[in-house]
Amino acid sequence: MFSEKMKSYFDRMIDLVFSIILLFIILGIVIGTAQLFLTVWNLLAFKGITGHYIDLISDVLTLYVLIELSRSLVDYFNTHRLRLTFIVDAAMVFVLREILILLFKHELKPEMIYAFSVLLLVLGVLRTGAVLVYQREKDILK
């Protein structure tokens, strides 16, 4: 009896915390999208092609990471489980974002390429494993 009340209290607190986190992520997406539109208009005033486009690319990829994280939290409210695939997707996009920024700035060194490659490989294997486990769980529940 006591443990059921504690579990119920715990579930409600987790829902509340995730709701607040989701609210801040949505707020960040809205503000980031508005700033992105302002940045696009500001690009028209600058001369040169490569000068400020790195900021635009970085902002778009950052918004994509926020969207992936928000998808993970929205899915939590439906299933009461955090799906690893959404979180790993966001991590992979974040790593790719860093690679693109460093490539664009011509600051990517060979050892960093190796490190990022291994990290992407591990994230890819982790994501593949998460999908396989999810499919297996779905088959078992049928």
Protein backbone atom coordinates (compact mmCIF):
# COMPACT_ATOMS: atom_id res chain seq x y z
CA MET A 1 0.00 0.00 0.00
CA PHE A 2 2.72 2.45 1.02
CA SER A 3 4.92 1.51 -1.92
CA GLU A 4 2.04 2.08 -4.37
CA LYS A 5 1.53 5.61 -2.99
CA MET A 6 5.26 6.29 -3.24
CA LYS A 7 5.36 4.99 -6.81
CA SER A 8 2.37 7.14 -7.72
CA TYR A 9 4.02 10.18 -6.12
CA PHE A 10 7.28 9.42 -7.90
CA ASP A 11 5.51 9.07 -11.28
CA ARG A 12 3.73 12.38 -10.82
CA MET A 13 6.97 14.15 -9.87
CA ILE A 14 8.78 12.71 -12.89
CA ASP A 15 5.88 13.81 -15.12
CA LEU A 16 6.06 17.30 -13.63
CA VAL A 17 9.84 17.57 -14.08
CA PHE A 18 9.66 16.30 -17.68
CA SER A 19 6.79 18.70 -18.38
CA ILE A 20 8.88 21.64 -17.17
CA ILE A 21 11.88 20.48 -19.21
CA LEU A 22 9.66 20.08 -22.28
CA LEU A 23 8.22 23.56 -21.75
CA PHE A 24 11.71 25.07 -21.68
CA ILE A 25 12.76 23.11 -24.77
CA ILE A 26 9.67 24.31 -26.66
CA LEU A 27 10.39 27.85 -25.53
CA GLY A 28 13.97 27.46 -26.76
CA ILE A 29 12.74 26.15 -30.12
CA VAL A 30 10.34 29.08 -30.55
CA ILE A 31 12.96 31.67 -29.59
CA GLY A 32 15.60 29.94 -31.71
CA THR A 33 13.29 29.85 -34.74
CA ALA A 34 12.51 33.55 -34.35
CA GLN A 35 16.21 34.36 -34.10
CA LEU A 36 16.87 32.18 -37.13
CA PHE A 37 14.46 34.25 -39.21
CA LEU A 38 16.09 37.45 -38.00
CA THR A 39 19.51 36.02 -38.89
CA VAL A 40 18.34 35.18 -42.40
CA TRP A 41 17.22 38.75 -42.94
CA ASN A 42 20.53 40.03 -41.57
CA LEU A 43 22.45 37.83 -44.04
CA LEU A 44 21.12 39.93 -46.89
CA ALA A 45 22.98 42.97 -45.58
CA PHE A 46 26.40 41.29 -45.38
CA LYS A 47 28.81 40.96 -48.26
CA GLY A 48 30.47 37.68 -48.95
CA ILE A 49 29.14 34.20 -48.93
CA THR A 50 30.97 32.35 -46.17
CA GLY A 51 31.06 35.04 -43.49
CA HIS A 52 27.95 34.40 -41.43
CA TYR A 53 26.56 31.20 -42.90
CA ILE A 54 28.34 29.11 -40.30
CA ASP A 55 26.10 30.73 -37.68
CA LEU A 56 23.01 29.87 -39.73
CA ILE A 57 24.10 26.24 -40.18
CA SER A 58 24.94 25.94 -36.49
CA ASP A 59 21.58 27.42 -35.45
CA VAL A 60 19.60 25.10 -37.72
CA LEU A 61 21.40 22.02 -36.44
CA THR A 62 21.00 23.16 -32.84
CA LEU A 63 17.26 23.52 -33.38
CA TYR A 64 17.19 20.03 -34.82
CA VAL A 65 18.88 18.68 -31.69
CA LEU A 66 16.26 20.43 -29.53
CA ILE A 67 13.48 18.98 -31.66
CA GLU A 68 14.88 15.46 -31.28
CA LEU A 69 15.11 15.89 -27.50
CA SER A 70 11.55 17.19 -27.34
CA ARG A 71 10.39 14.16 -29.37
CA SER A 72 11.96 11.95 -26.73
CA LEU A 73 10.08 13.72 -23.94
CA VAL A 74 6.76 13.69 -25.81
CA ASP A 75 7.18 9.96 -26.39
CA TYR A 76 7.80 9.54 -22.65
CA PHE A 77 4.32 10.88 -21.89
CA ASN A 78 2.80 8.28 -24.23
CA THR A 79 4.81 5.26 -23.10
CA HIS A 80 6.31 6.32 -19.74
CA ARG A 81 9.69 5.22 -21.08
CA LEU A 82 12.52 7.22 -22.57
CA ARG A 83 13.35 5.76 -25.98
CA LEU A 84 17.05 5.61 -26.54
CA THR A 85 16.73 6.04 -30.31
CA PHE A 86 15.56 9.67 -30.03
CA ILE A 87 18.31 10.53 -27.57
CA VAL A 88 21.00 8.86 -29.68
CA ASP A 89 19.63 10.62 -32.79
CA ALA A 90 20.04 13.94 -31.01
CA ALA A 91 23.57 13.02 -29.93
CA MET A 92 24.51 12.01 -33.48
CA VAL A 93 23.15 15.25 -34.89
CA PHE A 94 25.09 17.18 -32.25
CA VAL A 95 28.34 15.41 -33.16
CA LEU A 96 27.69 15.97 -36.87
CA ARG A 97 26.96 19.61 -36.10
CA GLU A 98 30.36 19.96 -34.44
CA ILE A 99 32.08 18.22 -37.35
CA LEU A 100 30.41 20.50 -39.89
CA ILE A 101 31.32 23.63 -37.94
CA LEU A 102 34.95 22.55 -37.57
CA LEU A 103 35.14 21.58 -41.24
CA PHE A 104 33.64 24.88 -42.31
CA LYS A 105 36.15 26.81 -40.19
CA HIS A 106 39.03 24.60 -41.44
CA GLU A 107 39.94 23.66 -37.86
CA LEU A 108 39.40 19.90 -38.02
CA LYS A 109 42.58 17.99 -37.22
CA PRO A 110 43.18 14.31 -38.13
CA GLU A 111 43.03 13.09 -34.53
CA MET A 112 39.69 14.84 -34.11
CA ILE A 113 38.39 13.11 -37.23
CA TYR A 114 39.37 9.74 -35.75
CA ALA A 115 37.77 10.57 -32.40
CA PHE A 116 34.54 11.79 -34.00
CA SER A 117 34.48 8.73 -36.26
CA VAL A 118 34.76 6.35 -33.32
CA LEU A 119 32.11 8.30 -31.42
CA LEU A 120 29.72 8.18 -34.39
CA LEU A 121 30.41 4.47 -34.81
CA VAL A 122 29.60 3.80 -31.15
CA LEU A 123 26.45 5.93 -31.36
CA GLY A 124 25.41 4.14 -34.56
CA VAL A 125 25.90 0.72 -32.97
CA LEU A 126 24.02 1.89 -29.87
CA ARG A 127 21.13 3.16 -31.99
CA THR A 128 20.99 -0.05 -34.03
CA GLY A 129 20.97 -2.07 -30.82
CA ALA A 130 18.21 0.09 -29.36
CA VAL A 131 16.06 -0.40 -32.48
CA LEU A 132 16.63 -4.17 -32.43
CA VAL A 133 15.73 -4.40 -28.73
CA TYR A 134 12.62 -2.25 -29.29
CA GLN A 135 11.49 -4.47 -32.20
CA ARG A 136 12.10 -7.59 -30.11
CA GLU A 137 10.05 -6.16 -27.23
CA LYS A 138 7.24 -5.29 -29.64
CA ASP A 139 7.25 -8.85 -31.00
CA ILE A 140 7.18 -10.32 -27.49
CA LEU A 141 4.21 -8.15 -26.50
CA LYS A 142 2.24 -9.39 -29.53
